[in-house]
Amino acid sequence: MEVTLTFGCKELRRYSVWEQQELEAEELLFNDDEESLPPAVLLFFVSETAAAAVQKDLHKLCVKQDGNMNTGEKAHTADTNSEHTAVSN
């Protein structure tokens, strides 16, 4: 599954890239079937408004996967000229 999260540049406060070695050092774990950590994790620090919108959209996506709800609504996109996009498989 591919997921695209889009938010406006004005919503981005900062970002951080954690490589596998840093994840291991901090003993960060992921709850999935894979035993190994990803090569890197990209963290976005966004405004409260953008965070709430992304959380709402991800919740809808999780519910859709479980088959409990399908609203047919599009994912949230902030209204701005410049955007940052994160894609996950």
N, C-alpha and C. Protein backbone atom coordinates (compact mmCIF):
# COMPACT_ATOMS: atom_id res chain seq x y z
N MET A 1 0.85 -1.17 0.00
CA MET A 1 0.00 0.00 0.00
C MET A 1 0.90 1.24 0.00
N GLU A 2 0.54 2.20 -0.80
CA GLU A 2 1.24 3.47 -0.84
C GLU A 2 0.36 4.54 -0.22
N VAL A 3 0.95 5.34 0.65
CA VAL A 3 0.22 6.41 1.33
C VAL A 3 0.97 7.70 1.07
N THR A 4 0.25 8.74 0.67
CA THR A 4 0.84 10.05 0.45
C THR A 4 0.23 11.04 1.43
N LEU A 5 1.08 11.68 2.22
CA LEU A 5 0.64 12.72 3.14
C LEU A 5 1.16 14.04 2.60
N THR A 6 0.27 15.01 2.48
CA THR A 6 0.67 16.31 1.94
C THR A 6 0.28 17.40 2.92
N PHE A 7 1.22 18.31 3.15
CA PHE A 7 0.93 19.46 4.01
C PHE A 7 1.70 20.65 3.48
N GLY A 8 1.20 21.83 3.79
CA GLY A 8 1.79 23.06 3.28
C GLY A 8 3.14 23.36 3.92
N CYS A 9 3.99 24.02 3.16
CA CYS A 9 5.32 24.39 3.63
C CYS A 9 5.22 25.22 4.91
N LYS A 10 4.21 26.07 4.99
CA LYS A 10 4.06 26.90 6.19
C LYS A 10 3.70 26.08 7.42
N GLU A 11 3.23 24.84 7.21
CA GLU A 11 2.88 23.96 8.33
C GLU A 11 4.09 23.20 8.88
N LEU A 12 5.17 23.11 8.08
CA LEU A 12 6.37 22.38 8.48
C LEU A 12 7.22 23.25 9.40
N ARG A 13 7.49 22.74 10.60
CA ARG A 13 8.32 23.48 11.57
C ARG A 13 9.78 23.06 11.46
N ARG A 14 10.03 21.77 11.36
CA ARG A 14 11.37 21.21 11.15
C ARG A 14 11.22 19.73 10.83
N TYR A 15 12.32 19.10 10.49
CA TYR A 15 12.29 17.66 10.23
C TYR A 15 13.59 17.04 10.74
N SER A 16 13.58 15.73 10.85
CA SER A 16 14.75 15.01 11.35
C SER A 16 14.80 13.66 10.66
N VAL A 17 16.02 13.23 10.31
CA VAL A 17 16.24 11.90 9.73
C VAL A 17 17.04 11.09 10.73
N TRP A 18 16.48 9.94 11.13
CA TRP A 18 17.16 9.03 12.05
C TRP A 18 17.56 7.80 11.26
N GLU A 19 18.85 7.52 11.22
CA GLU A 19 19.33 6.33 10.52
C GLU A 19 19.24 5.11 11.43
N GLN A 20 19.37 3.94 10.84
CA GLN A 20 19.17 2.68 11.56
C GLN A 20 20.04 2.60 12.83
N GLN A 21 21.26 3.06 12.76
CA GLN A 21 22.15 3.01 13.92
C GLN A 21 21.59 3.85 15.08
N GLU A 22 21.03 5.00 14.76
CA GLU A 22 20.45 5.86 15.79
C GLU A 22 19.20 5.22 16.39
N LEU A 23 18.38 4.58 15.55
CA LEU A 23 17.19 3.89 16.04
C LEU A 23 17.57 2.77 16.99
N GLU A 24 18.61 2.01 16.63
CA GLU A 24 19.08 0.93 17.49
C GLU A 24 19.61 1.47 18.81
N ALA A 25 20.39 2.57 18.76
CA ALA A 25 20.96 3.16 19.96
C ALA A 25 19.87 3.63 20.93
N GLU A 26 18.77 4.14 20.38
CA GLU A 26 17.66 4.63 21.20
C GLU A 26 16.68 3.51 21.55
N GLU A 27 16.94 2.30 21.02
CA GLU A 27 16.10 1.13 21.26
C GLU A 27 14.64 1.36 20.86
N LEU A 28 14.46 2.05 19.72
CA LEU A 28 13.12 2.27 19.19
C LEU A 28 12.63 1.00 18.51
N LEU A 29 11.40 0.63 18.77
CA LEU A 29 10.81 -0.58 18.21
C LEU A 29 9.58 -0.23 17.41
N PHE A 30 9.27 -1.04 16.40
CA PHE A 30 8.08 -0.86 15.59
C PHE A 30 7.20 -2.08 15.75
N ASN A 31 5.91 -1.89 15.85
CA ASN A 31 4.96 -2.99 16.02
C ASN A 31 4.48 -3.48 14.67
N ASP A 32 5.29 -4.32 14.05
CA ASP A 32 4.89 -4.96 12.80
C ASP A 32 5.56 -6.31 12.71
N ASP A 33 5.38 -6.99 11.61
CA ASP A 33 5.91 -8.34 11.46
C ASP A 33 7.40 -8.38 11.14
N GLU A 34 7.95 -7.27 10.75
CA GLU A 34 9.36 -7.24 10.38
C GLU A 34 10.23 -7.18 11.63
N GLU A 35 11.27 -7.99 11.64
CA GLU A 35 12.18 -8.01 12.77
C GLU A 35 13.23 -6.91 12.70
N SER A 36 13.62 -6.52 11.49
CA SER A 36 14.67 -5.52 11.35
C SER A 36 14.10 -4.11 11.30
N LEU A 37 14.92 -3.16 11.69
CA LEU A 37 14.53 -1.76 11.64
C LEU A 37 14.68 -1.26 10.20
N PRO A 38 13.94 -0.23 9.83
CA PRO A 38 14.12 0.35 8.50
C PRO A 38 15.49 1.04 8.42
N PRO A 39 16.00 1.27 7.22
CA PRO A 39 17.31 1.92 7.08
C PRO A 39 17.31 3.34 7.67
N ALA A 40 16.16 4.00 7.64
CA ALA A 40 16.05 5.35 8.18
C ALA A 40 14.59 5.69 8.42
N VAL A 41 14.36 6.65 9.31
CA VAL A 41 13.02 7.15 9.59
C VAL A 41 13.05 8.66 9.43
N LEU A 42 12.07 9.19 8.71
CA LEU A 42 11.97 10.63 8.49
C LEU A 42 10.84 11.16 9.37
N LEU A 43 11.18 12.09 10.26
CA LEU A 43 10.19 12.69 11.15
C LEU A 43 9.89 14.10 10.70
N PHE A 44 8.60 14.44 10.63
CA PHE A 44 8.19 15.80 10.33
C PHE A 44 7.59 16.41 11.58
N PHE A 45 8.06 17.60 11.94
CA PHE A 45 7.48 18.37 13.02
C PHE A 45 6.61 19.43 12.36
N VAL A 46 5.29 19.31 12.54
CA VAL A 46 4.35 20.19 11.86
C VAL A 46 3.49 20.94 12.87
N SER A 47 2.74 21.91 12.38
CA SER A 47 1.84 22.68 13.24
C SER A 47 0.75 21.77 13.82
N GLU A 48 0.10 22.23 14.87
CA GLU A 48 -0.98 21.45 15.47
C GLU A 48 -2.11 21.19 14.47
N THR A 49 -2.39 22.18 13.64
CA THR A 49 -3.44 22.03 12.64
C THR A 49 -3.11 20.92 11.65
N ALA A 50 -1.87 20.93 11.14
CA ALA A 50 -1.45 19.90 10.18
C ALA A 50 -1.41 18.53 10.85
N ALA A 51 -0.92 18.48 12.09
CA ALA A 51 -0.85 17.20 12.82
C ALA A 51 -2.24 16.61 13.02
N ALA A 52 -3.20 17.44 13.38
CA ALA A 52 -4.57 16.96 13.59
C ALA A 52 -5.16 16.44 12.28
N ALA A 53 -4.91 17.14 11.19
CA ALA A 53 -5.43 16.72 9.88
C ALA A 53 -4.81 15.40 9.44
N VAL A 54 -3.50 15.26 9.62
CA VAL A 54 -2.82 14.01 9.24
C VAL A 54 -3.32 12.86 10.11
N GLN A 55 -3.45 13.11 11.41
CA GLN A 55 -3.94 12.07 12.31
C GLN A 55 -5.35 11.62 11.91
N LYS A 56 -6.20 12.56 11.57
CA LYS A 56 -7.57 12.25 11.15
C LYS A 56 -7.56 11.39 9.88
N ASP A 57 -6.73 11.79 8.91
CA ASP A 57 -6.66 11.05 7.65
C ASP A 57 -6.09 9.65 7.84
N LEU A 58 -5.07 9.52 8.67
CA LEU A 58 -4.50 8.19 8.94
C LEU A 58 -5.50 7.30 9.67
N HIS A 59 -6.27 7.89 10.56
CA HIS A 59 -7.30 7.11 11.26
C HIS A 59 -8.33 6.58 10.26
N LYS A 60 -8.75 7.44 9.34
CA LYS A 60 -9.70 7.01 8.31
C LYS A 60 -9.13 5.87 7.49
N LEU A 61 -7.85 5.98 7.15
CA LEU A 61 -7.19 4.95 6.36
C LEU A 61 -7.16 3.62 7.12
N CYS A 62 -6.84 3.68 8.39
CA CYS A 62 -6.80 2.45 9.21
C CYS A 62 -8.18 1.81 9.30
N VAL A 63 -9.19 2.62 9.46
CA VAL A 63 -10.56 2.10 9.55
C VAL A 63 -10.96 1.49 8.21
N LYS A 64 -10.58 2.14 7.10
CA LYS A 64 -10.89 1.60 5.77
C LYS A 64 -10.25 0.23 5.58
N GLN A 65 -9.01 0.08 6.03
CA GLN A 65 -8.31 -1.20 5.90
C GLN A 65 -9.02 -2.30 6.69
N ASP A 66 -9.59 -1.94 7.83
CA ASP A 66 -10.31 -2.91 8.64
C ASP A 66 -11.69 -3.20 8.08
N GLY A 67 -12.14 -2.38 7.11
CA GLY A 67 -13.43 -2.59 6.49
C GLY A 67 -14.59 -2.04 7.28
N ASN A 68 -14.32 -1.19 8.26
CA ASN A 68 -15.39 -0.67 9.10
C ASN A 68 -15.98 0.64 8.59
N MET A 69 -15.23 1.36 7.77
CA MET A 69 -15.73 2.66 7.33
C MET A 69 -15.09 3.02 6.00
N ASN A 70 -15.86 3.57 5.08
CA ASN A 70 -15.34 4.08 3.83
C ASN A 70 -16.11 5.35 3.51
N THR A 71 -15.50 6.51 3.82
CA THR A 71 -16.20 7.77 3.65
C THR A 71 -16.11 8.30 2.23
N GLY A 72 -15.13 7.82 1.46
CA GLY A 72 -14.94 8.31 0.10
C GLY A 72 -14.32 9.69 0.05
N GLU A 73 -13.89 10.23 1.21
CA GLU A 73 -13.29 11.55 1.24
C GLU A 73 -11.83 11.47 0.83
N LYS A 74 -11.32 12.55 0.23
CA LYS A 74 -9.92 12.63 -0.14
C LYS A 74 -9.08 12.96 1.09
N ALA A 75 -7.80 12.63 1.00
CA ALA A 75 -6.86 12.98 2.07
C ALA A 75 -6.71 14.48 2.15
N HIS A 76 -6.39 15.00 3.33
CA HIS A 76 -6.24 16.43 3.57
C HIS A 76 -5.02 16.98 2.84
N THR A 77 -5.17 18.09 2.18
CA THR A 77 -4.07 18.81 1.58
C THR A 77 -4.18 20.26 2.02
N ALA A 78 -3.12 20.78 2.64
CA ALA A 78 -3.14 22.17 3.08
C ALA A 78 -3.22 23.08 1.87
N ASP A 79 -3.89 24.20 2.01
CA ASP A 79 -4.09 25.14 0.92
C ASP A 79 -2.92 26.13 0.89
N THR A 80 -1.91 25.82 0.07
CA THR A 80 -0.75 26.68 -0.04
C THR A 80 -0.08 26.43 -1.38
N ASN A 81 0.77 27.35 -1.82
CA ASN A 81 1.45 27.20 -3.09
C ASN A 81 2.57 26.18 -3.04
N SER A 82 3.22 26.08 -1.89
CA SER A 82 4.37 25.18 -1.77
C SER A 82 4.02 24.06 -0.81
N GLU A 83 4.29 22.81 -1.18
CA GLU A 83 3.90 21.68 -0.37
C GLU A 83 5.06 20.72 -0.19
N HIS A 84 5.03 19.98 0.93
CA HIS A 84 5.97 18.89 1.18
C HIS A 84 5.12 17.62 1.19
N THR A 85 5.65 16.57 0.62
CA THR A 85 4.92 15.31 0.54
C THR A 85 5.77 14.17 1.08
N ALA A 86 5.14 13.32 1.89
CA ALA A 86 5.81 12.11 2.38
C ALA A 86 5.08 10.92 1.79
N VAL A 87 5.84 9.97 1.26
CA VAL A 87 5.25 8.77 0.69
C VAL A 87 5.80 7.56 1.42
N SER A 88 4.91 6.64 1.76
CA SER A 88 5.32 5.42 2.46
C SER A 88 4.71 4.23 1.77
N ASN A 89 5.46 3.16 1.65
CA ASN A 89 4.94 1.92 1.08
C ASN A 89 4.67 0.92 2.18
